Protein backbone atom coordinates (compact mmCIF):
# COMPACT_ATOMS: atom_id res chain seq x y z
CA MET A 1 6.29 -21.10 17.05
CA LEU A 2 7.89 -23.84 14.93
CA HIS A 3 6.10 -22.48 11.86
CA LEU A 4 7.48 -18.98 12.40
CA LEU A 5 11.00 -20.20 13.23
CA LEU A 6 11.05 -22.29 10.04
CA PHE A 7 9.80 -19.29 8.07
CA ILE A 8 12.64 -17.15 9.44
CA LEU A 9 15.27 -19.87 8.93
CA LEU A 10 14.28 -20.41 5.31
CA GLY A 11 14.67 -16.69 4.69
CA ILE A 12 18.13 -16.62 6.29
CA LEU A 13 19.37 -19.67 4.38
CA SER A 14 18.41 -18.07 1.08
CA ALA A 15 19.97 -14.65 1.79
CA ASN A 16 23.01 -15.35 -0.36
CA ASN A 17 21.11 -16.37 -3.48
CA ASP A 18 22.79 -14.32 -6.21
CA THR A 19 21.25 -15.83 -9.31
CA GLU A 20 18.83 -14.00 -11.58
CA THR A 21 16.14 -16.58 -10.81
CA ARG A 22 13.21 -15.47 -8.69
CA TRP A 23 13.19 -17.01 -5.26
CA VAL A 24 10.00 -17.38 -3.23
CA ASN A 25 10.03 -18.38 0.43
CA PRO A 26 8.88 -22.03 0.71
CA SER A 27 6.45 -21.05 3.47
CA VAL A 28 4.46 -19.11 0.88
CA GLU A 29 1.91 -20.68 -1.45
CA LEU A 30 1.30 -19.31 -4.95
CA LEU A 31 -2.25 -18.10 -5.60
CA GLU A 32 -4.21 -19.10 -8.67
CA VAL A 33 -6.06 -15.78 -8.73
CA ASN A 34 -5.56 -13.97 -12.04
CA ARG A 35 -5.96 -10.37 -10.81
CA ASN A 36 -4.02 -8.09 -8.52
CA GLY A 37 -7.03 -6.75 -6.60
CA PRO A 38 -8.34 -4.82 -4.89
CA PHE A 39 -10.61 -7.45 -3.36
CA ILE A 40 -13.48 -7.45 -0.88
CA ALA A 41 -15.22 -10.44 0.69
CA LEU A 42 -18.96 -10.70 0.11
CA GLU A 43 -21.48 -12.20 2.51
CA ASP A 44 -21.97 -15.38 0.47
CA GLY A 45 -18.24 -16.18 0.63
CA SER A 46 -17.39 -14.93 -2.85
CA ILE A 47 -14.98 -12.09 -3.56
CA ALA A 48 -15.42 -8.95 -5.67
CA THR A 49 -13.05 -6.61 -7.45
CA ILE A 50 -13.10 -3.58 -9.70
CA GLY A 51 -10.91 -2.97 -12.74
CA ALA A 52 -11.04 -0.79 -15.83
CA GLU A 53 -13.85 -2.97 -17.21
CA GLY A 54 -15.97 -2.68 -14.10
CA PHE A 55 -17.25 -4.60 -11.07
CA ARG A 56 -16.78 -8.42 -11.07
CA VAL A 57 -17.47 -11.29 -8.68
CA SER A 58 -15.67 -14.62 -8.29
CA LYS A 59 -17.06 -17.73 -6.56
CA ASP A 60 -13.91 -19.84 -7.04
CA GLU A 61 -11.19 -17.84 -5.23
CA GLY A 62 -10.41 -15.60 -8.19
CA LYS A 63 -9.90 -18.25 -10.89
CA THR A 64 -12.89 -17.04 -12.91
CA TRP A 65 -15.03 -13.88 -12.79
CA THR A 66 -18.46 -12.72 -13.80
CA GLU A 67 -18.89 -10.36 -16.74
CA PRO A 68 -18.01 -6.81 -15.66
CA ASN A 69 -20.59 -4.23 -14.67
CA PRO A 70 -19.26 -0.75 -15.59
CA VAL A 71 -18.40 1.55 -12.69
CA CYS A 72 -16.43 4.62 -13.83
CA LYS A 73 -13.87 5.87 -16.33
CA GLY A 74 -10.35 7.05 -15.63
CA LEU A 75 -8.71 3.94 -14.13
CA ASP A 76 -5.22 2.85 -15.12
CA PRO A 77 -4.96 -0.93 -14.55
CA GLU A 78 -1.19 -0.78 -15.14
CA GLU A 79 -0.70 1.55 -12.14
CA PRO A 80 -0.71 -0.42 -8.87
CA ALA A 81 -2.05 1.06 -5.65
CA SER A 82 -4.17 3.55 -7.58
CA TYR A 83 -7.65 2.35 -6.56
CA TYR A 84 -9.35 0.46 -3.69
CA LEU A 85 -12.77 -1.00 -2.93
CA LEU A 86 -14.42 -1.07 0.51
CA LYS A 87 -17.65 -2.60 1.83
CA THR A 88 -18.91 -0.57 4.80
CA LYS A 89 -20.76 -1.80 7.87
CA ASN A 90 -23.96 -0.62 6.16
CA ASN A 91 -23.21 -2.76 3.08
CA VAL A 92 -22.42 0.28 0.93
CA LEU A 93 -19.68 -0.30 -1.62
CA VAL A 94 -17.28 2.64 -1.85
CA PHE A 95 -14.62 2.87 -4.56
CA ILE A 96 -11.81 5.43 -4.34
CA TYR A 97 -9.41 5.94 -7.23
CA LEU A 98 -6.82 8.07 -9.00
CA ASN A 99 -8.56 9.52 -12.05
CA PHE A 100 -6.15 9.39 -15.01
CA ILE A 101 -8.48 11.36 -17.30
CA ASP A 102 -6.59 14.56 -18.08
CA LYS A 103 -3.58 13.42 -16.06
CA ARG A 104 -0.66 15.81 -16.49
CA PHE A 105 2.82 15.79 -14.99
CA GLU A 106 5.68 18.01 -16.13
CA TRP A 107 8.89 18.73 -14.25
CA ASP A 108 11.05 21.81 -14.77
CA GLU A 109 14.55 20.32 -14.56
CA LYS A 110 16.21 23.73 -14.43
CA ARG A 111 14.21 24.95 -11.44
CA LYS A 112 13.67 21.45 -9.98
CA GLU A 113 9.98 22.24 -9.63
CA PRO A 114 6.75 20.85 -11.02
CA LYS A 115 5.31 22.92 -13.82
CA GLU A 116 1.98 24.61 -13.40
CA GLY A 117 -1.07 22.50 -14.11
CA CYS A 118 0.11 19.07 -12.89
CA LYS A 119 -3.04 17.02 -12.36
CA LEU A 120 -3.96 13.58 -11.04
CA GLU A 121 -7.07 13.85 -8.95
CA VAL A 122 -8.59 11.49 -6.37
CA TRP A 123 -12.20 10.56 -7.03
CA ALA A 124 -14.78 8.43 -5.19
CA ILE A 125 -17.97 6.67 -6.22
CA ARG A 126 -20.35 4.36 -4.34
CA SER A 127 -23.03 1.74 -4.80
CA LEU A 128 -26.09 1.13 -2.61
CA ASP A 129 -27.20 -2.04 -4.39
CA GLY A 130 -24.23 -4.39 -4.28
CA GLY A 131 -22.47 -3.05 -7.36
CA LYS A 132 -25.38 -2.97 -9.80
CA THR A 133 -25.48 0.84 -10.05
CA TRP A 134 -23.03 3.55 -8.97
CA ILE A 135 -23.71 7.10 -7.76
CA ASP A 136 -22.09 10.22 -6.33
CA ASN A 137 -18.98 10.12 -8.53
CA GLN A 138 -16.94 13.11 -7.33
CA CYS A 139 -13.47 14.56 -6.98
CA ILE A 140 -12.36 14.43 -3.31
CA LEU A 141 -8.77 15.68 -3.64
CA ASP A 142 -7.65 17.89 -6.52
CA GLY A 143 -4.15 18.71 -7.74
CA TYR A 144 -1.55 15.99 -8.33
CA ASN A 145 -1.62 12.93 -6.05
CA THR A 146 -0.05 9.50 -6.41
CA ASN A 147 -0.35 5.91 -5.16
CA PHE A 148 -1.85 5.11 -1.76
CA PHE A 149 -1.83 2.01 0.40
CA ALA A 150 -4.94 1.81 2.55
CA PHE A 151 -8.70 2.32 2.53
CA ILE A 152 -10.35 1.32 5.82
CA GLN A 153 -13.38 1.81 8.00
CA THR A 154 -12.74 2.59 11.66
CA CYS A 155 -14.73 1.46 14.68
CA SER A 156 -16.60 4.78 14.63
CA GLY A 157 -17.87 4.07 11.10
CA ARG A 158 -15.62 6.61 9.44
CA ILE A 159 -14.03 5.54 6.16
CA ILE A 160 -10.58 6.92 5.52
CA ALA A 161 -7.69 6.76 3.03
CA PRO A 162 -4.23 8.40 3.10
CA PHE A 163 -2.71 10.31 0.16
CA ASP A 164 0.33 12.25 -0.85
CA HIS A 165 0.07 15.58 -2.72
CA LEU A 166 2.54 17.44 -4.93
CA VAL A 167 3.49 21.00 -3.87
CA THR A 168 6.03 23.62 -4.93
CA SER A 169 8.77 25.86 -3.47
CA PRO A 170 10.49 23.47 -3.24
CA GLY A 171 8.89 20.74 -5.31
CA ARG A 172 8.11 17.81 -2.99
CA PHE A 173 5.25 15.68 -1.67
CA ILE A 174 3.23 16.18 1.50
CA VAL A 175 0.64 13.84 3.02
CA CYS A 176 -2.95 13.99 4.30
CA SER A 177 -5.96 11.75 4.81
CA VAL A 178 -9.44 12.07 3.35
CA PHE A 179 -12.47 10.74 5.22
CA SER A 180 -16.23 10.35 5.12
CA ASP A 181 -18.76 9.86 7.88
CA ASP A 182 -21.71 9.07 5.61
CA ASP A 183 -20.50 6.02 3.61
CA GLY A 184 -18.79 8.08 0.92
CA LYS A 185 -21.53 10.61 0.15
CA THR A 186 -19.47 13.59 1.37
CA TRP A 187 -15.77 13.94 2.16
CA GLN A 188 -13.37 15.99 4.28
CA ARG A 189 -9.59 16.39 4.38
CA SER A 190 -7.17 16.34 7.33
CA ASN A 191 -4.27 18.70 7.97
CA TRP A 192 -1.14 18.33 5.84
CA ILE A 193 1.96 16.45 7.02
CA ASP A 194 5.14 18.08 5.63
CA LEU A 195 8.58 16.52 6.15
CA GLY A 196 10.45 18.84 3.78
CA GLY A 197 12.60 17.52 0.93
CA LYS A 198 13.28 18.55 -2.65
CA GLY A 199 12.52 16.48 -5.73
CA HIS A 200 9.70 14.59 -7.47
CA HIS A 201 10.38 11.52 -5.28
CA ASP A 202 11.12 13.36 -2.05
CA GLY A 203 9.21 14.53 0.99
CA ALA A 204 6.33 12.56 2.48
CA LEU A 205 4.99 10.02 -0.01
CA GLU A 206 2.61 7.11 -0.58
CA PRO A 207 1.29 6.51 2.96
CA THR A 208 -0.40 3.49 4.52
CA LEU A 209 -2.47 3.38 7.72
CA VAL A 210 -4.32 1.20 10.24
CA GLU A 211 -6.56 1.65 13.26
CA LEU A 212 -4.91 0.59 16.53
CA SER A 213 -6.63 -1.24 19.38
CA SER A 214 -6.81 2.07 21.28
CA GLY A 215 -8.82 3.67 18.46
CA ARG A 216 -5.90 5.87 17.43
CA LEU A 217 -4.73 5.72 13.82
CA LEU A 218 -1.17 4.89 12.79
CA MET A 219 0.19 6.11 9.42
CA LEU A 220 3.51 4.97 7.95
CA ILE A 221 4.94 7.32 5.34
CA ARG A 222 7.46 6.58 2.59
CA THR A 223 10.49 8.89 2.74
CA SER A 224 14.01 9.20 1.33
CA LEU A 225 15.33 9.23 4.92
CA ASP A 226 16.25 5.52 5.31
CA GLN A 227 13.08 4.69 7.23
CA PHE A 228 9.35 5.17 7.38
CA TRP A 229 8.14 8.15 9.32
CA GLN A 230 4.99 7.68 11.34
CA ALA A 231 2.05 9.89 12.21
CA ILE A 232 -0.56 9.30 14.91
CA SER A 233 -4.10 10.64 14.89
CA GLU A 234 -6.10 10.72 18.10
CA ASN A 235 -9.34 11.86 16.48
CA ASP A 236 -9.99 9.36 13.70
CA GLY A 237 -7.80 11.00 11.06
CA LYS A 238 -9.09 14.55 11.31
CA TYR A 239 -5.75 15.80 12.58
CA TRP A 240 -2.30 14.22 12.64
CA ARG A 241 -0.32 15.86 15.45
CA ILE A 242 2.22 13.22 16.55
CA ILE A 243 4.78 12.94 13.74
CA GLN A 244 8.16 11.23 14.19
CA PRO A 245 10.59 8.65 12.78
CA SER A 246 9.19 5.11 13.05
CA GLY A 247 12.47 3.25 13.50
CA ILE A 248 11.46 0.84 10.70
CA ASP A 249 14.21 0.87 8.07
CA ALA A 250 12.94 1.23 4.51
CA SER A 251 14.19 2.09 1.06
CA ASN A 252 12.61 4.91 -0.94
CA SER A 253 9.59 2.72 -1.59
CA PRO A 254 6.10 2.30 -0.06
CA GLY A 255 4.82 -0.38 2.29
CA TYR A 256 1.38 -1.80 3.06
CA LEU A 257 0.18 -1.93 6.67
CA LEU A 258 -2.86 -4.07 7.59
CA ARG A 259 -4.63 -4.83 10.84
CA LEU A 260 -5.61 -8.50 10.84
CA SER A 261 -8.75 -10.02 12.29
CA ASN A 262 -6.74 -11.45 15.22
CA GLY A 263 -5.52 -7.96 16.15
CA GLN A 264 -1.97 -8.33 14.84
CA LEU A 265 -0.45 -5.80 12.47
CA ALA A 266 1.23 -7.01 9.27
CA LEU A 267 3.69 -4.87 7.33
CA VAL A 268 5.02 -5.74 3.86
CA TRP A 269 7.71 -3.52 2.34
CA ASN A 270 11.14 -3.11 0.76
CA ARG A 271 13.77 -2.76 3.44
CA LEU A 272 16.64 -0.28 3.33
CA ASN A 273 19.17 -2.97 2.36
CA PRO A 274 19.10 -6.46 0.89
CA GLU A 275 19.30 -9.09 3.59
CA GLY A 276 22.91 -9.45 4.74
CA GLN A 277 24.16 -6.65 2.45
CA VAL A 278 24.41 -2.87 2.25
CA GLN A 279 22.67 -1.13 -0.62
CA GLU A 280 24.62 1.73 -2.18
CA LYS A 281 22.67 4.97 -1.98
CA ILE A 282 22.23 6.88 -5.22
CA LEU A 283 21.69 10.56 -5.80
CA LYS A 284 19.18 11.21 -8.57
CA PRO A 285 19.21 15.02 -8.63
CA HIS A 286 15.59 15.50 -9.69
CA HIS A 287 14.31 12.69 -7.47
CA THR A 288 15.66 13.53 -4.02
CA GLU A 289 17.71 16.20 -2.29
CA PHE A 290 20.20 13.69 -0.88
CA PRO A 291 21.37 10.15 -1.85
CA SER A 292 18.70 7.51 -1.29
CA SER A 293 18.31 3.72 -1.28
CA TRP A 294 16.21 2.37 -4.14
CA HIS A 295 16.33 -1.27 -3.08
CA ARG A 296 13.26 -3.10 -4.45
CA GLU A 297 14.57 -6.59 -5.25
CA GLU A 298 13.31 -8.13 -2.00
CA LEU A 299 9.87 -7.99 -0.44
CA SER A 300 9.80 -8.55 3.33
CA ILE A 301 7.15 -9.02 6.01
CA ALA A 302 7.00 -8.40 9.77
CA PHE A 303 4.23 -8.70 12.37
CA SER A 304 3.41 -6.77 15.53
CA ASN A 305 1.30 -7.97 18.41
CA ASP A 306 1.42 -4.68 20.37
CA ASP A 307 0.13 -2.03 17.96
CA GLY A 308 3.51 -1.45 16.31
CA LYS A 309 5.60 -0.89 19.42
CA THR A 310 7.70 -3.95 18.57
CA TRP A 311 7.99 -6.09 15.46
CA THR A 312 9.11 -9.60 14.58
CA LYS A 313 12.36 -10.01 12.73
CA PRO A 314 11.63 -9.17 9.07
CA VAL A 315 11.52 -12.16 6.76
CA VAL A 316 12.06 -12.06 3.01
CA LEU A 317 8.96 -13.30 1.18
CA ALA A 318 10.43 -13.22 -2.29
CA ARG A 319 13.52 -12.04 -4.13
CA GLN A 320 13.95 -10.93 -7.77
CA PRO A 321 17.68 -10.26 -8.38
CA GLY A 322 18.12 -7.44 -10.89
CA GLY A 323 14.39 -6.83 -11.06
CA GLN A 324 11.66 -5.50 -8.79
CA LEU A 325 9.03 -6.67 -6.30
CA SER A 326 7.39 -3.58 -4.85
CA TYR A 327 4.15 -1.63 -4.30
CA PRO A 328 2.51 -4.43 -2.28
CA TYR A 329 -1.17 -5.07 -1.71
CA LEU A 330 -2.49 -7.10 1.26
CA PHE A 331 -5.88 -8.78 1.58
CA GLU A 332 -6.95 -10.98 4.47
CA ARG A 333 -9.06 -13.47 2.56
CA ARG A 334 -10.15 -15.21 5.76
CA PRO A 335 -8.73 -15.39 9.28
CA ASN A 336 -5.06 -16.48 9.19
CA GLU A 337 -4.94 -16.39 5.39
CA LEU A 338 -3.13 -13.39 3.95
CA TRP A 339 -2.88 -12.65 0.23
CA ILE A 340 0.23 -10.66 -0.73
CA ILE A 341 0.60 -9.19 -4.21
CA PRO A 342 3.40 -6.88 -5.36
CA GLY A 343 1.98 -4.44 -7.91
CA PHE A 344 5.34 -3.98 -9.59
CA SER A 345 6.75 -7.44 -10.31
CA PHE A 346 9.20 -7.76 -13.17
CA ARG A 347 12.40 -9.58 -14.07
CA LYS A 348 14.75 -6.83 -15.30
CA THR A 349 12.78 -4.01 -16.83
CA TRP A 350 9.18 -2.79 -16.94
CA SER A 351 8.78 -4.66 -20.26
CA GLU A 352 9.39 -8.03 -18.56
CA PRO A 353 6.46 -8.40 -16.13
CA GLN A 354 6.32 -11.58 -14.04
CA PRO A 355 3.22 -11.47 -11.81
CA LEU A 356 3.62 -12.85 -8.30
CA ARG A 357 0.59 -13.57 -6.14
CA MET A 358 1.22 -15.23 -2.78
CA LYS A 359 -0.74 -16.72 0.11
CA LEU A 360 0.68 -16.94 3.61
CA HIS A 361 -0.55 -18.60 6.77
CA VAL A 362 -0.44 -15.86 9.40
CA PRO A 363 1.38 -16.80 12.62
CA THR A 364 -0.88 -16.67 15.66
CA SER A 365 -0.14 -14.30 18.51
CA LYS A 366 1.36 -17.21 20.46
CA GLU A 367 3.78 -17.87 17.61
CA ILE A 368 5.09 -14.34 17.43
CA SER A 369 8.26 -13.37 19.27
CA THR A 370 8.85 -9.66 19.12
CA LEU A 371 12.11 -7.73 18.98
CA PRO A 372 12.73 -4.09 19.94
CA LYS A 373 12.83 -1.66 17.04
């Protein structure tokens, strides 16, 4: 409890920091790892990742890596949350990614609609021999799709990832999940989730999901509506039929939701407003139908010990005044050790990147005090 209270207090005391200097919560340690993930833990205690060069393994917590073994083409290492790696219960490695080969995006500003032929497909490939060779490279969701924030295996053995998808009339994004029951050999798609909206950053976007203790799946969806919306699946992601506001305030930016080994849920995201302030909403006519918050200078975390019914008071992990810390990735390296990496991390503009890779001791269930949403 003292650890968590100190963590919260340090966040509150630093809320009025108005300098341009990056602030990182003192309860967070900086990682020496030199990559942003995605990571998986291997049976010998090492970790593995995939990048544009291929599959690599590290035996020293990400400080150094083996020479890459090629996997596939089409990755964009500058685009966070565009590919993930999963090791299944059958020790099959499955890699799911946005394929930037032949990517095309054009927006008709007069009609406020995407032009015909927009393309950014989702592909998947797998390895049966620990990453030495890769097979079954295939498109699993065509059209134009963007960043995603989960790739998990459920208790049933199903592997599943959530995606958004660009549609027209009006131009907006909708959401679905794709899943496989045979370790990535074949794939299916769920029903679509449509929240309406109008613009190339409007609708239902960039989802994240977890499996709850009941076996149901919880999806949190980025919106321009001042909060995440949530969807519940009662059949392992085949259908999403409970769709409603989540009550978790959020800017027009994605979050990452992770179920930890102790059963807690962790959520990292950009809140609707900076701590102790109110963020002015901005109308970008081709982005959203109505004014929206674009606050991305603070990255916050909260925990839930009851499957998302209640959450701890959000705590600011890091702050970059005038810049951005967003598009987070979470990896539980080992029990009670959480790696947190914002994919977009820069000082003022995209041309001033300042990577930030953090490690946090996870509060135990006894340390968590929950508050109503």
